[in-house]
Amino acid sequence: MPQTQEKITGKNRLWSDKEHQMLEELYPRMSNAEIAKKLNRPKASVDKKGFDRNLKKDKDYRQDVARKNNAFRKNSWKPEEIKQLKKLYKSNTYKQLEDILNRNSQSIQSKATKLGLWKYDKNN
């Protein structure tokens, strides 16, 4: 496989075959920032090279990252809130749900849609 060039702070630096191999091995299960540190390259370079080579993150890795990110989100839905939403959704207005759940109607409607909840019978 021929070596490719990238521009780093005004200098061209070739990607070695070993770096390409490491990138392909690490990319599915490791963050691009971590890979960049291992390869001593800018994260943007790893991002671009991964894109150019059509590399993908493993499904399990993506789900793990999403789970960790959701845990840190300020307004992440907790299991007990979801349970309450499922119980109260059909019998309460959005205004009532806003007061009960202390969330805005857009958040409530979005979560309900993701959960497959409907206020009205879809067959009517």
N, C-alpha and C. Protein backbone atom coordinates (compact mmCIF):
# COMPACT_ATOMS: atom_id res chain seq x y z
N MET A 1 0.85 -1.17 0.00
CA MET A 1 0.00 0.00 0.00
C MET A 1 0.90 1.24 0.00
N PRO A 2 0.67 2.20 -0.89
CA PRO A 2 1.54 3.38 -0.95
C PRO A 2 1.30 4.28 0.26
N GLN A 3 2.34 5.01 0.63
CA GLN A 3 2.22 5.94 1.73
C GLN A 3 1.45 7.18 1.28
N THR A 4 0.74 7.80 2.21
CA THR A 4 -0.01 9.02 1.90
C THR A 4 0.53 10.16 2.75
N GLN A 5 0.26 11.38 2.33
CA GLN A 5 0.77 12.54 3.04
C GLN A 5 -0.36 13.28 3.74
N GLU A 6 -0.01 13.97 4.79
CA GLU A 6 -0.94 14.89 5.44
C GLU A 6 -0.16 16.13 5.81
N LYS A 7 -0.85 17.23 5.89
CA LYS A 7 -0.19 18.50 6.22
C LYS A 7 -0.33 18.74 7.72
N ILE A 8 0.79 18.89 8.40
CA ILE A 8 0.80 19.17 9.83
C ILE A 8 1.67 20.39 10.06
N THR A 9 1.06 21.44 10.56
CA THR A 9 1.76 22.69 10.85
C THR A 9 2.79 23.05 9.78
N GLY A 10 2.35 23.02 8.54
CA GLY A 10 3.19 23.43 7.44
C GLY A 10 4.16 22.37 6.93
N LYS A 11 4.20 21.19 7.53
CA LYS A 11 5.12 20.14 7.10
C LYS A 11 4.32 18.94 6.61
N ASN A 12 4.85 18.26 5.61
CA ASN A 12 4.23 17.02 5.15
C ASN A 12 4.83 15.87 5.93
N ARG A 13 3.97 14.99 6.37
CA ARG A 13 4.43 13.82 7.12
C ARG A 13 3.71 12.61 6.56
N LEU A 14 4.45 11.64 6.14
CA LEU A 14 3.87 10.43 5.56
C LEU A 14 3.30 9.52 6.64
N TRP A 15 2.20 8.87 6.29
CA TRP A 15 1.66 7.81 7.14
C TRP A 15 2.40 6.53 6.75
N SER A 16 2.96 5.86 7.73
CA SER A 16 3.67 4.62 7.44
C SER A 16 2.66 3.47 7.35
N ASP A 17 3.10 2.38 6.76
CA ASP A 17 2.25 1.19 6.69
C ASP A 17 1.88 0.72 8.10
N LYS A 18 2.83 0.83 9.03
CA LYS A 18 2.58 0.42 10.41
C LYS A 18 1.49 1.30 11.04
N GLU A 19 1.54 2.60 10.77
CA GLU A 19 0.51 3.51 11.30
C GLU A 19 -0.86 3.19 10.70
N HIS A 20 -0.90 2.92 9.41
CA HIS A 20 -2.16 2.52 8.77
C HIS A 20 -2.72 1.26 9.42
N GLN A 21 -1.85 0.30 9.66
CA GLN A 21 -2.27 -0.96 10.28
C GLN A 21 -2.79 -0.71 11.70
N MET A 22 -2.06 0.08 12.46
CA MET A 22 -2.50 0.39 13.83
C MET A 22 -3.84 1.11 13.82
N LEU A 23 -3.99 2.06 12.90
CA LEU A 23 -5.25 2.79 12.78
C LEU A 23 -6.41 1.82 12.53
N GLU A 24 -6.24 0.93 11.61
CA GLU A 24 -7.31 -0.03 11.28
C GLU A 24 -7.60 -0.98 12.44
N GLU A 25 -6.59 -1.33 13.23
CA GLU A 25 -6.80 -2.21 14.38
C GLU A 25 -7.48 -1.49 15.54
N LEU A 26 -7.08 -0.25 15.78
CA LEU A 26 -7.58 0.48 16.94
C LEU A 26 -8.90 1.21 16.70
N TYR A 27 -9.14 1.62 15.48
CA TYR A 27 -10.28 2.49 15.15
C TYR A 27 -11.64 1.97 15.65
N PRO A 28 -11.94 0.69 15.46
CA PRO A 28 -13.28 0.23 15.85
C PRO A 28 -13.57 0.31 17.35
N ARG A 29 -12.54 0.25 18.21
CA ARG A 29 -12.77 0.12 19.65
C ARG A 29 -12.15 1.22 20.50
N MET A 30 -11.65 2.27 19.89
CA MET A 30 -10.96 3.30 20.65
C MET A 30 -11.33 4.67 20.09
N SER A 31 -11.34 5.67 20.98
CA SER A 31 -11.67 7.03 20.52
C SER A 31 -10.56 7.55 19.61
N ASN A 32 -10.93 8.45 18.72
CA ASN A 32 -9.94 9.02 17.81
C ASN A 32 -8.89 9.83 18.57
N ALA A 33 -9.27 10.44 19.68
CA ALA A 33 -8.31 11.19 20.49
C ALA A 33 -7.25 10.25 21.08
N GLU A 34 -7.70 9.09 21.55
CA GLU A 34 -6.75 8.11 22.09
C GLU A 34 -5.82 7.57 21.00
N ILE A 35 -6.39 7.31 19.84
CA ILE A 35 -5.59 6.83 18.71
C ILE A 35 -4.55 7.88 18.33
N ALA A 36 -4.97 9.14 18.29
CA ALA A 36 -4.05 10.23 17.93
C ALA A 36 -2.86 10.27 18.89
N LYS A 37 -3.11 10.08 20.18
CA LYS A 37 -2.02 10.07 21.15
C LYS A 37 -1.06 8.92 20.88
N LYS A 38 -1.61 7.74 20.63
CA LYS A 38 -0.77 6.57 20.36
C LYS A 38 0.09 6.76 19.11
N LEU A 39 -0.48 7.40 18.10
CA LEU A 39 0.23 7.58 16.84
C LEU A 39 1.02 8.89 16.78
N ASN A 40 0.91 9.70 17.83
CA ASN A 40 1.56 11.01 17.87
C ASN A 40 1.16 11.86 16.65
N ARG A 41 -0.14 11.92 16.44
CA ARG A 41 -0.71 12.70 15.34
C ARG A 41 -1.87 13.52 15.87
N PRO A 42 -2.23 14.59 15.18
CA PRO A 42 -3.41 15.37 15.60
C PRO A 42 -4.69 14.54 15.44
N LYS A 43 -5.65 14.79 16.32
CA LYS A 43 -6.92 14.08 16.24
C LYS A 43 -7.58 14.31 14.89
N ALA A 44 -7.50 15.53 14.38
CA ALA A 44 -8.12 15.84 13.07
C ALA A 44 -7.54 14.95 11.97
N SER A 45 -6.27 14.63 12.08
CA SER A 45 -5.62 13.75 11.10
C SER A 45 -6.19 12.33 11.18
N VAL A 46 -6.39 11.86 12.41
CA VAL A 46 -6.98 10.53 12.61
C VAL A 46 -8.42 10.52 12.11
N ASP A 47 -9.17 11.59 12.42
CA ASP A 47 -10.56 11.71 11.94
C ASP A 47 -10.60 11.59 10.41
N LYS A 48 -9.77 12.36 9.74
CA LYS A 48 -9.78 12.38 8.28
C LYS A 48 -9.33 11.04 7.70
N LYS A 49 -8.27 10.47 8.26
CA LYS A 49 -7.76 9.20 7.74
C LYS A 49 -8.80 8.10 7.94
N GLY A 50 -9.46 8.10 9.08
CA GLY A 50 -10.52 7.11 9.32
C GLY A 50 -11.65 7.26 8.32
N PHE A 51 -12.02 8.52 8.05
CA PHE A 51 -13.08 8.79 7.06
C PHE A 51 -12.63 8.36 5.67
N ASP A 52 -11.42 8.75 5.29
CA ASP A 52 -10.90 8.41 3.95
C ASP A 52 -10.85 6.90 3.73
N ARG A 53 -10.57 6.16 4.79
CA ARG A 53 -10.45 4.71 4.68
C ARG A 53 -11.79 4.00 4.99
N ASN A 54 -12.82 4.80 5.18
CA ASN A 54 -14.17 4.28 5.44
C ASN A 54 -14.19 3.35 6.67
N LEU A 55 -13.45 3.72 7.69
CA LEU A 55 -13.41 2.92 8.91
C LEU A 55 -14.63 3.25 9.76
N LYS A 56 -15.11 2.28 10.50
CA LYS A 56 -16.30 2.46 11.34
C LYS A 56 -16.01 2.00 12.75
N LYS A 57 -16.69 2.61 13.70
CA LYS A 57 -16.61 2.18 15.09
C LYS A 57 -17.53 0.96 15.27
N ASP A 58 -17.13 0.04 16.16
CA ASP A 58 -17.96 -1.13 16.47
C ASP A 58 -19.27 -0.66 17.10
N LYS A 59 -20.32 -1.40 16.85
CA LYS A 59 -21.64 -1.07 17.41
C LYS A 59 -21.58 -1.03 18.94
N ASP A 60 -20.94 -2.02 19.56
CA ASP A 60 -20.84 -2.06 21.02
C ASP A 60 -20.09 -0.84 21.55
N TYR A 61 -19.04 -0.43 20.85
CA TYR A 61 -18.27 0.74 21.26
C TYR A 61 -19.15 1.99 21.19
N ARG A 62 -19.89 2.16 20.09
CA ARG A 62 -20.78 3.32 19.94
C ARG A 62 -21.84 3.36 21.03
N GLN A 63 -22.41 2.19 21.34
CA GLN A 63 -23.44 2.14 22.38
C GLN A 63 -22.86 2.48 23.75
N ASP A 64 -21.66 2.01 24.02
CA ASP A 64 -21.01 2.30 25.29
C ASP A 64 -20.74 3.80 25.43
N VAL A 65 -20.27 4.42 24.37
CA VAL A 65 -20.01 5.87 24.38
C VAL A 65 -21.33 6.62 24.60
N ALA A 66 -22.38 6.21 23.90
CA ALA A 66 -23.68 6.87 24.06
C ALA A 66 -24.19 6.74 25.49
N ARG A 67 -24.05 5.55 26.07
CA ARG A 67 -24.48 5.33 27.46
C ARG A 67 -23.72 6.25 28.41
N LYS A 68 -22.42 6.34 28.23
CA LYS A 68 -21.61 7.21 29.10
C LYS A 68 -21.99 8.67 28.92
N ASN A 69 -22.20 9.09 27.68
CA ASN A 69 -22.60 10.48 27.41
C ASN A 69 -23.95 10.79 28.03
N ASN A 70 -24.89 9.85 27.91
CA ASN A 70 -26.23 10.08 28.47
C ASN A 70 -26.18 10.21 29.99
N ALA A 71 -25.29 9.48 30.62
CA ALA A 71 -25.17 9.55 32.08
C ALA A 71 -24.72 10.93 32.53
N PHE A 72 -24.00 11.65 31.69
CA PHE A 72 -23.49 12.97 32.05
C PHE A 72 -24.40 14.11 31.59
N ARG A 73 -25.39 13.81 30.77
CA ARG A 73 -26.27 14.87 30.30
C ARG A 73 -27.11 15.41 31.44
N LYS A 74 -27.26 16.71 31.43
CA LYS A 74 -28.00 17.38 32.49
C LYS A 74 -29.45 16.90 32.57
N ASN A 75 -30.09 16.76 31.44
CA ASN A 75 -31.52 16.41 31.43
C ASN A 75 -31.78 14.99 30.98
N SER A 76 -30.85 14.10 31.21
CA SER A 76 -31.03 12.71 30.82
C SER A 76 -32.23 12.10 31.55
N TRP A 77 -33.02 11.33 30.82
CA TRP A 77 -34.20 10.69 31.41
C TRP A 77 -33.76 9.52 32.28
N LYS A 78 -34.23 9.49 33.50
CA LYS A 78 -33.93 8.40 34.42
C LYS A 78 -35.00 7.31 34.28
N PRO A 79 -34.66 6.07 34.59
CA PRO A 79 -35.62 4.97 34.43
C PRO A 79 -36.97 5.21 35.12
N GLU A 80 -36.94 5.80 36.31
CA GLU A 80 -38.20 6.05 37.02
C GLU A 80 -39.04 7.11 36.32
N GLU A 81 -38.40 8.08 35.66
CA GLU A 81 -39.13 9.09 34.90
C GLU A 81 -39.79 8.47 33.67
N ILE A 82 -39.08 7.59 33.02
CA ILE A 82 -39.63 6.90 31.84
C ILE A 82 -40.83 6.06 32.25
N LYS A 83 -40.71 5.37 33.36
CA LYS A 83 -41.82 4.55 33.86
C LYS A 83 -43.04 5.43 34.14
N GLN A 84 -42.81 6.58 34.76
CA GLN A 84 -43.90 7.50 35.07
C GLN A 84 -44.52 8.06 33.79
N LEU A 85 -43.69 8.40 32.82
CA LEU A 85 -44.19 8.91 31.55
C LEU A 85 -45.07 7.87 30.87
N LYS A 86 -44.63 6.64 30.82
CA LYS A 86 -45.42 5.57 30.20
C LYS A 86 -46.78 5.42 30.87
N LYS A 87 -46.78 5.54 32.19
CA LYS A 87 -48.02 5.38 32.96
C LYS A 87 -48.99 6.54 32.74
N LEU A 88 -48.47 7.76 32.65
CA LEU A 88 -49.32 8.96 32.64
C LEU A 88 -49.57 9.56 31.26
N TYR A 89 -48.84 9.12 30.25
CA TYR A 89 -48.84 9.80 28.96
C TYR A 89 -50.22 9.96 28.34
N LYS A 90 -50.97 8.88 28.23
CA LYS A 90 -52.28 8.95 27.54
C LYS A 90 -53.33 9.74 28.31
N SER A 91 -53.25 9.72 29.62
CA SER A 91 -54.34 10.31 30.42
C SER A 91 -54.08 11.76 30.86
N ASN A 92 -52.96 12.36 30.44
CA ASN A 92 -52.64 13.72 30.86
C ASN A 92 -52.28 14.59 29.67
N THR A 93 -52.56 15.88 29.81
CA THR A 93 -52.17 16.83 28.77
C THR A 93 -50.66 17.09 28.89
N TYR A 94 -50.10 17.71 27.85
CA TYR A 94 -48.68 18.05 27.91
C TYR A 94 -48.40 19.02 29.06
N LYS A 95 -49.32 19.95 29.30
CA LYS A 95 -49.15 20.91 30.40
C LYS A 95 -49.11 20.17 31.73
N GLN A 96 -50.00 19.21 31.91
CA GLN A 96 -50.00 18.43 33.16
C GLN A 96 -48.70 17.62 33.29
N LEU A 97 -48.28 17.03 32.18
CA LEU A 97 -47.04 16.25 32.21
C LEU A 97 -45.83 17.14 32.50
N GLU A 98 -45.84 18.36 31.96
CA GLU A 98 -44.76 19.31 32.25
C GLU A 98 -44.64 19.54 33.76
N ASP A 99 -45.78 19.75 34.40
CA ASP A 99 -45.80 20.02 35.84
C ASP A 99 -45.38 18.79 36.65
N ILE A 100 -45.85 17.62 36.24
CA ILE A 100 -45.55 16.39 36.97
C ILE A 100 -44.08 15.99 36.81
N LEU A 101 -43.58 16.05 35.57
CA LEU A 101 -42.23 15.57 35.27
C LEU A 101 -41.16 16.67 35.35
N ASN A 102 -41.62 17.91 35.47
CA ASN A 102 -40.70 19.05 35.50
C ASN A 102 -39.81 19.07 34.25
N ARG A 103 -40.45 18.91 33.10
CA ARG A 103 -39.78 18.94 31.80
C ARG A 103 -40.66 19.71 30.83
N ASN A 104 -40.05 20.22 29.75
CA ASN A 104 -40.86 20.94 28.77
C ASN A 104 -41.58 19.96 27.84
N SER A 105 -42.62 20.45 27.20
CA SER A 105 -43.46 19.57 26.37
C SER A 105 -42.69 18.98 25.20
N GLN A 106 -41.72 19.72 24.65
CA GLN A 106 -40.93 19.20 23.53
C GLN A 106 -40.13 17.97 23.97
N SER A 107 -39.53 18.05 25.14
CA SER A 107 -38.77 16.93 25.69
C SER A 107 -39.68 15.73 25.93
N ILE A 108 -40.85 15.99 26.47
CA ILE A 108 -41.82 14.93 26.75
C ILE A 108 -42.29 14.28 25.46
N GLN A 109 -42.65 15.09 24.49
CA GLN A 109 -43.13 14.56 23.21
C GLN A 109 -42.04 13.77 22.49
N SER A 110 -40.82 14.27 22.52
CA SER A 110 -39.70 13.58 21.87
C SER A 110 -39.44 12.22 22.51
N LYS A 111 -39.42 12.18 23.85
CA LYS A 111 -39.18 10.92 24.55
C LYS A 111 -40.32 9.95 24.30
N ALA A 112 -41.55 10.44 24.32
CA ALA A 112 -42.71 9.59 24.07
C ALA A 112 -42.64 8.97 22.68
N THR A 113 -42.27 9.75 21.70
CA THR A 113 -42.15 9.25 20.33
C THR A 113 -41.09 8.16 20.26
N LYS A 114 -39.95 8.38 20.90
CA LYS A 114 -38.88 7.37 20.92
C LYS A 114 -39.32 6.09 21.60
N LEU A 115 -40.22 6.23 22.57
CA LEU A 115 -40.72 5.06 23.29
C LEU A 115 -41.91 4.40 22.59
N GLY A 116 -42.38 5.02 21.50
CA GLY A 116 -43.52 4.47 20.77
C GLY A 116 -44.85 4.74 21.44
N LEU A 117 -44.92 5.78 22.26
CA LEU A 117 -46.17 6.13 22.95
C LEU A 117 -47.01 7.05 22.07
N TRP A 118 -48.32 6.85 22.11
CA TRP A 118 -49.25 7.67 21.32
C TRP A 118 -50.37 8.14 22.21
N LYS A 119 -50.75 9.40 22.06
CA LYS A 119 -51.86 9.96 22.83
C LYS A 119 -53.21 9.57 22.22
N TYR A 120 -53.21 9.37 20.92
CA TYR A 120 -54.45 9.10 20.23
C TYR A 120 -54.35 7.77 19.52
N ASP A 121 -55.49 7.14 19.32
CA ASP A 121 -55.52 5.87 18.61
C ASP A 121 -55.14 6.11 17.16
N LYS A 122 -54.11 5.47 16.68
CA LYS A 122 -53.62 5.67 15.31
C LYS A 122 -54.62 5.14 14.27
N ASN A 123 -55.53 4.28 14.68
CA ASN A 123 -56.46 3.67 13.73
C ASN A 123 -57.70 4.54 13.50
N ASN A 124 -57.87 5.59 14.24
CA ASN A 124 -59.05 6.47 14.08
C ASN A 124 -58.73 7.65 13.20
